[in-house]
Amino acid sequence: MNGSTMNLTGGNSMVYDTFWPCLRGHLENKVEYDLAVAACSHLPTPFLDENRKVGIASAAVGTIALLLNGAVLSGVLKNRDLSKPVYLFVANLAAADCMAGVFSLFFCASFQLELLQPLTMLGLICAYFLVLVLSAVGVILLSMDRYVAILHPTFYQTRMSGRHVAVTLGIAWPACAVVCLSPLMGWNCIDADTETCMKSLSP
């Protein structure tokens, strides 16, 4: 099996000491992903143990984030006295951090795999940036709300309402999703042949 695979890939896997440089080298030489994995599968993968440790830490962080932010989110949603715009922005920030907790759990699960497919890795990177951007946008919106409330209190009390918050979040969340998930929509293939790109990204 190894001999036939090495013939298909030119036998270049013998010059590598570990799996990841071997895989990268084969992919750079236009070798199909499955063949590259098969050609390098006999080499050691020194980062797998470290990956599992990172996955366990990620699961712990995700669980804590879900519990704490879930408590804040449920408190704001259940209490009608907390329906002011500032509390809705706090709930939005808590929801974004809950998404970060869910991502941490998925991150933990993915790192228990022996090898991630390219599309899975790309999806992880996009989701990572999405939760970061959503959390940052939540902090920015909350800061802007407090800035307007302090600088223009009369305008804030008479004009700001839950409808304004809903419109703001209805624009912010889809915009963040489109920007951060655009590589999954083919933006990553802009300088590559479409058929080749789809083959390299297919699981």
N, C-alpha and C. Protein backbone atom coordinates (compact mmCIF):
# COMPACT_ATOMS: atom_id res chain seq x y z
N MET A 1 0.84 -1.21 0.00
CA MET A 1 0.00 0.00 0.00
C MET A 1 0.86 1.25 0.00
N ASN A 2 1.85 1.29 0.91
CA ASN A 2 2.73 2.45 0.95
C ASN A 2 3.52 2.59 -0.32
N GLY A 3 3.95 1.43 -0.91
CA GLY A 3 4.74 1.50 -2.13
C GLY A 3 3.95 2.07 -3.28
N SER A 4 2.69 1.62 -3.45
CA SER A 4 1.88 2.13 -4.55
C SER A 4 1.55 3.59 -4.35
N THR A 5 1.31 3.97 -3.10
CA THR A 5 1.00 5.37 -2.82
C THR A 5 2.20 6.25 -3.09
N MET A 6 3.39 5.78 -2.72
CA MET A 6 4.59 6.56 -2.97
C MET A 6 4.85 6.70 -4.45
N ASN A 7 4.50 5.67 -5.24
CA ASN A 7 4.67 5.80 -6.68
C ASN A 7 3.75 6.86 -7.25
N LEU A 8 2.52 6.95 -6.71
CA LEU A 8 1.59 7.95 -7.21
C LEU A 8 2.03 9.35 -6.85
N THR A 9 2.71 9.51 -5.73
CA THR A 9 3.10 10.84 -5.27
C THR A 9 4.56 11.13 -5.52
N GLY A 10 5.23 10.26 -6.19
CA GLY A 10 6.62 10.53 -6.54
C GLY A 10 7.60 10.12 -5.48
N GLY A 11 7.13 9.49 -4.39
CA GLY A 11 8.03 9.02 -3.35
C GLY A 11 8.65 10.13 -2.53
N ASN A 12 8.04 11.33 -2.53
CA ASN A 12 8.64 12.46 -1.83
C ASN A 12 8.44 12.38 -0.33
N SER A 13 7.57 11.47 0.14
CA SER A 13 7.30 11.44 1.57
C SER A 13 8.52 10.98 2.37
N MET A 14 9.52 10.33 1.72
CA MET A 14 10.67 9.81 2.44
C MET A 14 11.58 10.93 2.94
N VAL A 15 11.48 12.13 2.38
CA VAL A 15 12.37 13.21 2.80
C VAL A 15 11.83 13.94 4.02
N TYR A 16 10.66 13.58 4.50
CA TYR A 16 10.05 14.26 5.63
C TYR A 16 10.17 13.41 6.89
N ASP A 17 10.30 14.07 8.02
CA ASP A 17 10.42 13.37 9.29
C ASP A 17 9.08 13.24 10.01
N THR A 18 8.15 14.18 9.78
CA THR A 18 6.85 14.16 10.45
C THR A 18 5.73 14.33 9.44
N PHE A 19 4.53 14.13 9.92
CA PHE A 19 3.36 14.06 9.03
C PHE A 19 3.03 15.39 8.37
N TRP A 20 2.97 16.46 9.17
CA TRP A 20 2.42 17.72 8.65
C TRP A 20 3.29 18.34 7.56
N PRO A 21 4.63 18.41 7.69
CA PRO A 21 5.41 18.91 6.55
C PRO A 21 5.25 18.04 5.31
N CYS A 22 5.12 16.74 5.51
CA CYS A 22 4.92 15.83 4.38
C CYS A 22 3.60 16.14 3.67
N LEU A 23 2.52 16.29 4.44
CA LEU A 23 1.21 16.59 3.85
C LEU A 23 1.24 17.92 3.12
N ARG A 24 1.85 18.92 3.75
CA ARG A 24 1.92 20.24 3.12
C ARG A 24 2.70 20.18 1.81
N GLY A 25 3.80 19.44 1.81
CA GLY A 25 4.61 19.33 0.61
C GLY A 25 3.87 18.66 -0.53
N HIS A 26 3.12 17.61 -0.23
CA HIS A 26 2.35 16.92 -1.27
C HIS A 26 1.25 17.81 -1.82
N LEU A 27 0.56 18.53 -0.94
CA LEU A 27 -0.51 19.41 -1.41
C LEU A 27 0.04 20.54 -2.27
N GLU A 28 1.23 21.05 -1.92
CA GLU A 28 1.84 22.08 -2.75
C GLU A 28 2.25 21.56 -4.12
N ASN A 29 2.48 20.24 -4.21
CA ASN A 29 2.83 19.62 -5.49
C ASN A 29 1.60 19.13 -6.26
N LYS A 30 0.41 19.65 -5.89
CA LYS A 30 -0.84 19.36 -6.60
C LYS A 30 -1.28 17.90 -6.47
N VAL A 31 -0.88 17.24 -5.39
CA VAL A 31 -1.33 15.88 -5.14
C VAL A 31 -2.71 15.94 -4.48
N GLU A 32 -3.61 15.04 -4.86
CA GLU A 32 -4.93 15.01 -4.26
C GLU A 32 -4.83 14.77 -2.75
N TYR A 33 -5.79 15.34 -2.03
CA TYR A 33 -5.72 15.33 -0.57
C TYR A 33 -5.67 13.90 0.00
N ASP A 34 -6.55 13.02 -0.47
CA ASP A 34 -6.58 11.65 0.06
C ASP A 34 -5.27 10.91 -0.21
N LEU A 35 -4.70 11.12 -1.39
CA LEU A 35 -3.43 10.48 -1.71
C LEU A 35 -2.30 11.03 -0.84
N ALA A 36 -2.34 12.34 -0.60
CA ALA A 36 -1.31 12.94 0.24
C ALA A 36 -1.38 12.40 1.66
N VAL A 37 -2.59 12.25 2.19
CA VAL A 37 -2.75 11.69 3.54
C VAL A 37 -2.25 10.25 3.59
N ALA A 38 -2.60 9.47 2.57
CA ALA A 38 -2.16 8.08 2.55
C ALA A 38 -0.64 7.97 2.44
N ALA A 39 -0.02 8.86 1.66
CA ALA A 39 1.43 8.81 1.49
C ALA A 39 2.18 9.19 2.76
N CYS A 40 1.56 10.00 3.60
CA CYS A 40 2.25 10.49 4.80
C CYS A 40 1.75 9.82 6.08
N SER A 41 0.83 8.89 5.97
CA SER A 41 0.19 8.33 7.16
C SER A 41 1.15 7.53 8.04
N HIS A 42 2.27 7.06 7.46
CA HIS A 42 3.22 6.26 8.25
C HIS A 42 4.15 7.12 9.09
N LEU A 43 4.12 8.43 8.90
CA LEU A 43 5.01 9.33 9.63
C LEU A 43 4.40 9.72 10.97
N PRO A 44 5.22 10.04 11.97
CA PRO A 44 4.68 10.43 13.29
C PRO A 44 3.98 11.77 13.24
N THR A 45 2.98 11.95 14.10
CA THR A 45 2.23 13.20 14.23
C THR A 45 2.42 13.73 15.65
N PRO A 46 3.46 14.51 15.90
CA PRO A 46 3.80 14.89 17.28
C PRO A 46 2.81 15.84 17.93
N PHE A 47 1.91 16.45 17.16
CA PHE A 47 1.05 17.46 17.74
C PHE A 47 -0.30 16.91 18.20
N LEU A 48 -0.57 15.62 17.97
CA LEU A 48 -1.88 15.09 18.32
C LEU A 48 -2.12 15.11 19.83
N ASP A 49 -1.12 14.75 20.64
CA ASP A 49 -1.29 14.77 22.09
C ASP A 49 -1.54 16.19 22.58
N GLU A 50 -0.78 17.16 22.03
CA GLU A 50 -0.99 18.55 22.40
C GLU A 50 -2.37 19.01 21.98
N ASN A 51 -2.84 18.54 20.82
CA ASN A 51 -4.17 18.90 20.35
C ASN A 51 -5.24 18.44 21.33
N ARG A 52 -5.08 17.25 21.86
CA ARG A 52 -6.08 16.74 22.80
C ARG A 52 -6.08 17.56 24.09
N LYS A 53 -4.92 17.99 24.54
CA LYS A 53 -4.86 18.84 25.73
C LYS A 53 -5.55 20.17 25.47
N VAL A 54 -5.31 20.75 24.29
CA VAL A 54 -5.97 21.99 23.91
C VAL A 54 -7.48 21.78 23.85
N GLY A 55 -7.92 20.63 23.35
CA GLY A 55 -9.34 20.34 23.27
C GLY A 55 -10.00 20.26 24.64
N ILE A 56 -9.32 19.65 25.61
CA ILE A 56 -9.87 19.56 26.97
C ILE A 56 -9.98 20.95 27.60
N ALA A 57 -8.95 21.77 27.43
CA ALA A 57 -9.00 23.13 27.96
C ALA A 57 -10.10 23.93 27.28
N SER A 58 -10.27 23.73 25.98
CA SER A 58 -11.31 24.44 25.24
C SER A 58 -12.69 24.04 25.74
N ALA A 59 -12.89 22.76 26.05
CA ALA A 59 -14.18 22.29 26.57
C ALA A 59 -14.48 22.94 27.93
N ALA A 60 -13.46 23.06 28.78
CA ALA A 60 -13.67 23.68 30.09
C ALA A 60 -14.05 25.15 29.95
N VAL A 61 -13.34 25.87 29.08
CA VAL A 61 -13.64 27.28 28.87
C VAL A 61 -15.04 27.45 28.28
N GLY A 62 -15.39 26.60 27.31
CA GLY A 62 -16.71 26.68 26.70
C GLY A 62 -17.84 26.42 27.68
N THR A 63 -17.65 25.45 28.57
CA THR A 63 -18.68 25.15 29.56
C THR A 63 -18.88 26.31 30.52
N ILE A 64 -17.79 26.91 30.99
CA ILE A 64 -17.90 28.06 31.90
C ILE A 64 -18.58 29.23 31.20
N ALA A 65 -18.19 29.49 29.95
CA ALA A 65 -18.78 30.61 29.20
C ALA A 65 -20.28 30.40 29.01
N LEU A 66 -20.68 29.17 28.69
CA LEU A 66 -22.11 28.90 28.49
C LEU A 66 -22.90 29.08 29.78
N LEU A 67 -22.37 28.60 30.90
CA LEU A 67 -23.09 28.69 32.17
C LEU A 67 -23.24 30.14 32.62
N LEU A 68 -22.16 30.90 32.60
CA LEU A 68 -22.20 32.28 33.10
C LEU A 68 -23.02 33.19 32.19
N ASN A 69 -22.73 33.14 30.90
CA ASN A 69 -23.46 34.01 29.98
C ASN A 69 -24.90 33.56 29.78
N GLY A 70 -25.15 32.25 29.88
CA GLY A 70 -26.52 31.77 29.83
C GLY A 70 -27.35 32.30 30.99
N ALA A 71 -26.74 32.40 32.17
CA ALA A 71 -27.45 32.95 33.33
C ALA A 71 -27.79 34.42 33.11
N VAL A 72 -26.84 35.18 32.56
CA VAL A 72 -27.10 36.60 32.27
C VAL A 72 -28.20 36.74 31.22
N LEU A 73 -28.12 35.95 30.17
CA LEU A 73 -29.10 36.04 29.08
C LEU A 73 -30.50 35.68 29.56
N SER A 74 -30.61 34.60 30.32
CA SER A 74 -31.93 34.19 30.81
C SER A 74 -32.48 35.21 31.80
N GLY A 75 -31.62 35.82 32.61
CA GLY A 75 -32.07 36.85 33.55
C GLY A 75 -32.65 38.07 32.86
N VAL A 76 -32.00 38.50 31.79
CA VAL A 76 -32.49 39.67 31.05
C VAL A 76 -33.79 39.35 30.32
N LEU A 77 -33.88 38.16 29.73
CA LEU A 77 -35.05 37.81 28.94
C LEU A 77 -36.27 37.53 29.81
N LYS A 78 -36.08 37.01 31.01
CA LYS A 78 -37.21 36.67 31.87
C LYS A 78 -37.73 37.87 32.66
N ASN A 79 -36.90 38.86 32.91
CA ASN A 79 -37.30 40.01 33.73
C ASN A 79 -37.77 41.14 32.82
N ARG A 80 -39.04 41.47 32.88
CA ARG A 80 -39.58 42.52 32.03
C ARG A 80 -39.05 43.90 32.40
N ASP A 81 -38.60 44.05 33.63
CA ASP A 81 -38.05 45.35 34.05
C ASP A 81 -36.71 45.62 33.38
N LEU A 82 -36.10 44.60 32.79
CA LEU A 82 -34.80 44.76 32.13
C LEU A 82 -34.96 44.82 30.61
N SER A 83 -36.00 45.53 30.16
CA SER A 83 -36.27 45.63 28.73
C SER A 83 -35.73 46.92 28.12
N LYS A 84 -34.95 47.68 28.89
CA LYS A 84 -34.37 48.90 28.35
C LYS A 84 -33.26 48.56 27.35
N PRO A 85 -32.96 49.51 26.46
CA PRO A 85 -31.95 49.22 25.43
C PRO A 85 -30.61 48.76 25.99
N VAL A 86 -30.18 49.34 27.10
CA VAL A 86 -28.87 48.97 27.64
C VAL A 86 -28.85 47.49 28.03
N TYR A 87 -29.94 47.00 28.62
CA TYR A 87 -29.98 45.60 29.02
C TYR A 87 -30.10 44.67 27.81
N LEU A 88 -30.76 45.15 26.76
CA LEU A 88 -30.83 44.35 25.54
C LEU A 88 -29.46 44.22 24.89
N PHE A 89 -28.67 45.29 24.95
CA PHE A 89 -27.31 45.19 24.43
C PHE A 89 -26.45 44.28 25.30
N VAL A 90 -26.69 44.29 26.61
CA VAL A 90 -26.00 43.35 27.50
C VAL A 90 -26.39 41.91 27.15
N ALA A 91 -27.68 41.69 26.88
CA ALA A 91 -28.13 40.36 26.48
C ALA A 91 -27.50 39.94 25.16
N ASN A 92 -27.36 40.90 24.24
CA ASN A 92 -26.71 40.60 22.96
C ASN A 92 -25.26 40.17 23.17
N LEU A 93 -24.55 40.86 24.04
CA LEU A 93 -23.17 40.50 24.33
C LEU A 93 -23.09 39.11 24.97
N ALA A 94 -24.05 38.83 25.87
CA ALA A 94 -24.08 37.50 26.50
C ALA A 94 -24.37 36.42 25.46
N ALA A 95 -25.25 36.71 24.50
CA ALA A 95 -25.55 35.73 23.45
C ALA A 95 -24.32 35.47 22.59
N ALA A 96 -23.58 36.53 22.27
CA ALA A 96 -22.36 36.36 21.48
C ALA A 96 -21.34 35.52 22.23
N ASP A 97 -21.23 35.73 23.54
CA ASP A 97 -20.30 34.93 24.33
C ASP A 97 -20.79 33.49 24.49
N CYS A 98 -22.11 33.28 24.48
CA CYS A 98 -22.63 31.91 24.48
C CYS A 98 -22.24 31.20 23.19
N MET A 99 -22.29 31.93 22.08
CA MET A 99 -21.84 31.34 20.82
C MET A 99 -20.36 30.98 20.89
N ALA A 100 -19.58 31.82 21.57
CA ALA A 100 -18.17 31.50 21.76
C ALA A 100 -18.01 30.22 22.58
N GLY A 101 -18.87 30.04 23.58
CA GLY A 101 -18.82 28.81 24.37
C GLY A 101 -19.17 27.59 23.55
N VAL A 102 -20.19 27.70 22.69
CA VAL A 102 -20.56 26.59 21.81
C VAL A 102 -19.42 26.27 20.85
N PHE A 103 -18.79 27.32 20.33
CA PHE A 103 -17.66 27.10 19.43
C PHE A 103 -16.52 26.39 20.15
N SER A 104 -16.28 26.75 21.42
CA SER A 104 -15.22 26.08 22.17
C SER A 104 -15.49 24.59 22.32
N LEU A 105 -16.76 24.22 22.53
CA LEU A 105 -17.10 22.81 22.64
C LEU A 105 -16.91 22.09 21.31
N PHE A 106 -17.31 22.74 20.22
CA PHE A 106 -17.10 22.14 18.90
C PHE A 106 -15.61 22.05 18.58
N PHE A 107 -14.87 23.06 19.00
CA PHE A 107 -13.42 23.08 18.83
C PHE A 107 -12.79 21.90 19.56
N CYS A 108 -13.30 21.63 20.78
CA CYS A 108 -12.81 20.49 21.56
C CYS A 108 -13.08 19.19 20.83
N ALA A 109 -14.30 19.04 20.29
CA ALA A 109 -14.65 17.80 19.59
C ALA A 109 -13.80 17.59 18.35
N SER A 110 -13.56 18.67 17.61
CA SER A 110 -12.80 18.54 16.37
C SER A 110 -11.34 18.19 16.64
N PHE A 111 -10.81 18.63 17.77
CA PHE A 111 -9.41 18.35 18.07
C PHE A 111 -9.19 16.95 18.60
N GLN A 112 -10.27 16.21 18.83
CA GLN A 112 -10.12 14.82 19.20
C GLN A 112 -9.96 13.92 17.98
N LEU A 113 -10.18 14.49 16.78
CA LEU A 113 -10.02 13.72 15.56
C LEU A 113 -8.55 13.54 15.23
N GLU A 114 -8.25 12.47 14.54
CA GLU A 114 -6.87 12.23 14.14
C GLU A 114 -6.40 13.26 13.12
N LEU A 115 -7.29 13.63 12.20
CA LEU A 115 -6.90 14.56 11.14
C LEU A 115 -8.13 15.30 10.66
N LEU A 116 -8.03 16.62 10.59
CA LEU A 116 -9.14 17.44 10.13
C LEU A 116 -9.12 17.57 8.62
N GLN A 117 -10.29 17.47 8.00
CA GLN A 117 -10.40 17.73 6.58
C GLN A 117 -10.18 19.22 6.32
N PRO A 118 -9.72 19.59 5.12
CA PRO A 118 -9.48 21.02 4.84
C PRO A 118 -10.71 21.88 5.04
N LEU A 119 -11.89 21.40 4.58
CA LEU A 119 -13.09 22.20 4.74
C LEU A 119 -13.46 22.37 6.20
N THR A 120 -13.22 21.33 7.03
CA THR A 120 -13.48 21.44 8.46
C THR A 120 -12.55 22.46 9.10
N MET A 121 -11.29 22.44 8.73
CA MET A 121 -10.34 23.41 9.27
C MET A 121 -10.71 24.83 8.85
N LEU A 122 -11.09 25.00 7.59
CA LEU A 122 -11.50 26.32 7.11
C LEU A 122 -12.75 26.79 7.86
N GLY A 123 -13.70 25.88 8.08
CA GLY A 123 -14.89 26.24 8.83
C GLY A 123 -14.58 26.64 10.26
N LEU A 124 -13.63 25.95 10.90
CA LEU A 124 -13.23 26.31 12.25
C LEU A 124 -12.63 27.71 12.31
N ILE A 125 -11.79 28.02 11.34
CA ILE A 125 -11.16 29.34 11.30
C ILE A 125 -12.21 30.42 11.10
N CYS A 126 -13.14 30.19 10.18
CA CYS A 126 -14.20 31.17 9.92
C CYS A 126 -15.09 31.36 11.16
N ALA A 127 -15.46 30.23 11.80
CA ALA A 127 -16.29 30.33 13.00
C ALA A 127 -15.56 31.03 14.13
N TYR A 128 -14.25 30.80 14.23
CA TYR A 128 -13.44 31.47 15.25
C TYR A 128 -13.49 32.98 15.07
N PHE A 129 -13.29 33.44 13.84
CA PHE A 129 -13.34 34.87 13.59
C PHE A 129 -14.76 35.42 13.77
N LEU A 130 -15.77 34.61 13.46
CA LEU A 130 -17.15 35.07 13.62
C LEU A 130 -17.47 35.34 15.09
N VAL A 131 -17.13 34.42 15.98
CA VAL A 131 -17.45 34.63 17.40
C VAL A 131 -16.63 35.79 17.97
N LEU A 132 -15.39 35.95 17.49
CA LEU A 132 -14.60 37.10 17.95
C LEU A 132 -15.22 38.41 17.50
N VAL A 133 -15.62 38.48 16.24
CA VAL A 133 -16.19 39.71 15.70
C VAL A 133 -17.53 40.02 16.35
N LEU A 134 -18.37 39.00 16.57
CA LEU A 134 -19.66 39.22 17.22
C LEU A 134 -19.48 39.75 18.64
N SER A 135 -18.53 39.19 19.36
CA SER A 135 -18.27 39.67 20.72
C SER A 135 -17.74 41.11 20.71
N ALA A 136 -16.82 41.39 19.78
CA ALA A 136 -16.29 42.74 19.69
C ALA A 136 -17.37 43.75 19.29
N VAL A 137 -18.22 43.37 18.34
CA VAL A 137 -19.31 44.26 17.93
C VAL A 137 -20.29 44.47 19.07
N GLY A 138 -20.54 43.43 19.87
CA GLY A 138 -21.41 43.58 21.03
C GLY A 138 -20.86 44.59 22.03
N VAL A 139 -19.56 44.54 22.27
CA VAL A 139 -18.94 45.51 23.19
C VAL A 139 -19.02 46.92 22.60
N ILE A 140 -18.78 47.05 21.30
CA ILE A 140 -18.84 48.36 20.65
C ILE A 140 -20.24 48.95 20.73
N LEU A 141 -21.26 48.14 20.44
CA LEU A 141 -22.63 48.63 20.48
C LEU A 141 -23.03 49.05 21.90
N LEU A 142 -22.63 48.26 22.88
CA LEU A 142 -22.92 48.60 24.27
C LEU A 142 -22.21 49.89 24.67
N SER A 143 -20.97 50.07 24.24
CA SER A 143 -20.22 51.30 24.54
C SER A 143 -20.86 52.51 23.88
N MET A 144 -21.29 52.35 22.62
CA MET A 144 -21.95 53.46 21.93
C MET A 144 -23.27 53.82 22.61
N ASP A 145 -24.00 52.82 23.07
CA ASP A 145 -25.26 53.07 23.78
C ASP A 145 -25.01 53.88 25.05
N ARG A 146 -23.99 53.50 25.80
CA ARG A 146 -23.67 54.24 27.03
C ARG A 146 -23.14 55.65 26.71
N TYR A 147 -22.41 55.78 25.64
CA TYR A 147 -21.89 57.10 25.24
C TYR A 147 -23.03 58.05 24.92
N VAL A 148 -23.99 57.59 24.12
CA VAL A 148 -25.13 58.44 23.77
C VAL A 148 -25.97 58.75 25.00
N ALA A 149 -26.16 57.76 25.87
CA ALA A 149 -26.98 57.96 27.07
C ALA A 149 -26.37 59.01 27.99
N ILE A 150 -25.06 59.06 28.08
CA ILE A 150 -24.39 60.04 28.97
C ILE A 150 -24.28 61.41 28.31
N LEU A 151 -23.94 61.42 27.01
CA LEU A 151 -23.71 62.69 26.33
C LEU A 151 -25.02 63.38 25.94
N HIS A 152 -26.04 62.60 25.59
CA HIS A 152 -27.34 63.17 25.18
C HIS A 152 -28.46 62.45 25.93
N PRO A 153 -28.59 62.71 27.23
CA PRO A 153 -29.57 61.95 28.03
C PRO A 153 -31.02 62.18 27.61
N THR A 154 -31.36 63.42 27.25
CA THR A 154 -32.74 63.70 26.86
C THR A 154 -33.11 62.98 25.57
N PHE A 155 -32.23 63.06 24.60
CA PHE A 155 -32.46 62.36 23.33
C PHE A 155 -32.55 60.85 23.55
N TYR A 156 -31.70 60.34 24.41
CA TYR A 156 -31.66 58.89 24.65
C TYR A 156 -32.96 58.42 25.30
N GLN A 157 -33.44 59.17 26.28
CA GLN A 157 -34.64 58.75 27.00
C GLN A 157 -35.89 58.84 26.15
N THR A 158 -35.93 59.79 25.22
CA THR A 158 -37.14 60.00 24.44
C THR A 158 -37.16 59.24 23.12
N ARG A 159 -36.01 58.92 22.58
CA ARG A 159 -35.95 58.32 21.24
C ARG A 159 -35.55 56.84 21.23
N MET A 160 -34.65 56.45 22.08
CA MET A 160 -34.15 55.08 22.04
C MET A 160 -35.19 54.10 22.59
N SER A 161 -35.36 52.99 21.89
CA SER A 161 -36.32 51.97 22.30
C SER A 161 -35.81 50.59 21.88
N GLY A 162 -36.57 49.58 22.27
CA GLY A 162 -36.19 48.23 21.90
C GLY A 162 -36.20 47.99 20.40
N ARG A 163 -37.04 48.76 19.67
CA ARG A 163 -37.08 48.63 18.22
C ARG A 163 -35.75 49.03 17.60
N HIS A 164 -35.15 50.10 18.11
CA HIS A 164 -33.85 50.53 17.59
C HIS A 164 -32.79 49.46 17.85
N VAL A 165 -32.86 48.83 18.99
CA VAL A 165 -31.90 47.76 19.31
C VAL A 165 -32.09 46.59 18.35
N ALA A 166 -33.35 46.22 18.09
CA ALA A 166 -33.62 45.10 17.20
C ALA A 166 -33.11 45.38 15.79
N VAL A 167 -33.33 46.61 15.30
CA VAL A 167 -32.85 46.97 13.96
C VAL A 167 -31.33 46.93 13.91
N THR A 168 -30.69 47.47 14.95
CA THR A 168 -29.22 47.48 14.99
C THR A 168 -28.65 46.07 14.98
N LEU A 169 -29.21 45.21 15.81
CA LEU A 169 -28.71 43.83 15.86
C LEU A 169 -29.08 43.06 14.60
N GLY A 170 -30.22 43.38 14.01
CA GLY A 170 -30.62 42.72 12.78
C GLY A 170 -29.71 43.05 11.61
N ILE A 171 -29.03 44.18 11.69
CA ILE A 171 -28.04 44.55 10.68
C ILE A 171 -26.66 44.00 11.04
N ALA A 172 -26.30 44.08 12.31
CA ALA A 172 -24.94 43.73 12.74
C ALA A 172 -24.67 42.24 12.61
N TRP A 173 -25.58 41.39 13.06
CA TRP A 173 -25.31 39.95 13.04
C TRP A 173 -25.19 39.38 11.62
N PRO A 174 -26.13 39.67 10.71
CA PRO A 174 -25.94 39.16 9.35
C PRO A 174 -24.70 39.72 8.66
N ALA A 175 -24.38 40.99 8.92
CA ALA A 175 -23.18 41.57 8.31
C ALA A 175 -21.93 40.86 8.79
N CYS A 176 -21.85 40.57 10.08
CA CYS A 176 -20.69 39.85 10.62
C CYS A 176 -20.61 38.45 10.03
N ALA A 177 -21.78 37.79 9.90
CA ALA A 177 -21.78 36.42 9.35
C ALA A 177 -21.31 36.41 7.90
N VAL A 178 -21.78 37.37 7.10
CA VAL A 178 -21.38 37.41 5.69
C VAL A 178 -19.88 37.66 5.55
N VAL A 179 -19.36 38.59 6.34
CA VAL A 179 -17.94 38.93 6.25
C VAL A 179 -17.07 37.76 6.71
N CYS A 180 -17.40 37.16 7.84
CA CYS A 180 -16.53 36.14 8.42
C CYS A 180 -16.67 34.78 7.75
N LEU A 181 -17.82 34.49 7.18
CA LEU A 181 -18.04 33.18 6.55
C LEU A 181 -17.85 33.21 5.05
N SER A 182 -17.43 34.34 4.50
CA SER A 182 -17.27 34.45 3.05
C SER A 182 -16.26 33.45 2.47
N PRO A 183 -15.17 33.07 3.17
CA PRO A 183 -14.29 32.04 2.58
C PRO A 183 -14.99 30.72 2.32
N LEU A 184 -16.02 30.38 3.11
CA LEU A 184 -16.76 29.14 2.88
C LEU A 184 -17.67 29.24 1.66
N MET A 185 -17.90 30.45 1.18
CA MET A 185 -18.78 30.65 0.03
C MET A 185 -18.01 30.68 -1.29
N GLY A 186 -16.70 30.38 -1.24
CA GLY A 186 -15.91 30.35 -2.46
C GLY A 186 -14.93 31.49 -2.60
N TRP A 187 -14.94 32.44 -1.64
CA TRP A 187 -14.02 33.57 -1.71
C TRP A 187 -12.57 33.11 -1.64
N ASN A 188 -12.32 31.96 -0.97
CA ASN A 188 -10.97 31.43 -0.86
C ASN A 188 -10.47 30.87 -2.19
N CYS A 189 -11.36 30.67 -3.17
CA CYS A 189 -10.98 30.11 -4.46
C CYS A 189 -10.84 31.18 -5.54
N ILE A 190 -10.77 32.44 -5.16
CA ILE A 190 -10.84 33.51 -6.14
C ILE A 190 -9.67 33.46 -7.12
N ASP A 191 -8.50 32.98 -6.68
CA ASP A 191 -7.33 32.92 -7.55
C ASP A 191 -7.00 31.50 -7.98
N ALA A 192 -7.93 30.57 -7.79
CA ALA A 192 -7.67 29.17 -8.11
C ALA A 192 -8.74 28.65 -9.05
N ASP A 193 -8.40 27.57 -9.75
CA ASP A 193 -9.37 26.90 -10.60
C ASP A 193 -10.47 26.32 -9.73
N THR A 194 -11.72 26.56 -10.14
CA THR A 194 -12.85 26.17 -9.29
C THR A 194 -12.89 24.67 -9.04
N GLU A 195 -12.67 23.87 -10.08
CA GLU A 195 -12.72 22.42 -9.92
C GLU A 195 -11.63 21.94 -8.98
N THR A 196 -10.42 22.48 -9.14
CA THR A 196 -9.31 22.09 -8.27
C THR A 196 -9.57 22.50 -6.83
N CYS A 197 -10.10 23.69 -6.65
CA CYS A 197 -10.38 24.18 -5.30
C CYS A 197 -11.44 23.32 -4.62
N MET A 198 -12.51 22.99 -5.32
CA MET A 198 -13.54 22.19 -4.73
C MET A 198 -13.05 20.79 -4.40
N LYS A 199 -12.16 20.24 -5.22
CA LYS A 199 -11.62 18.92 -4.91
C LYS A 199 -10.77 18.95 -3.65
N SER A 200 -10.00 20.03 -3.48
CA SER A 200 -9.11 20.11 -2.32
C SER A 200 -9.87 20.38 -1.03
N LEU A 201 -11.09 20.95 -1.14
CA LEU A 201 -11.85 21.29 0.03
C LEU A 201 -12.94 20.27 0.36
N SER A 202 -13.20 19.36 -0.54
CA SER A 202 -14.28 18.40 -0.29
C SER A 202 -13.83 17.37 0.74
N PRO A 203 -14.71 16.99 1.71
CA PRO A 203 -14.35 16.02 2.74
C PRO A 203 -14.25 14.62 2.17
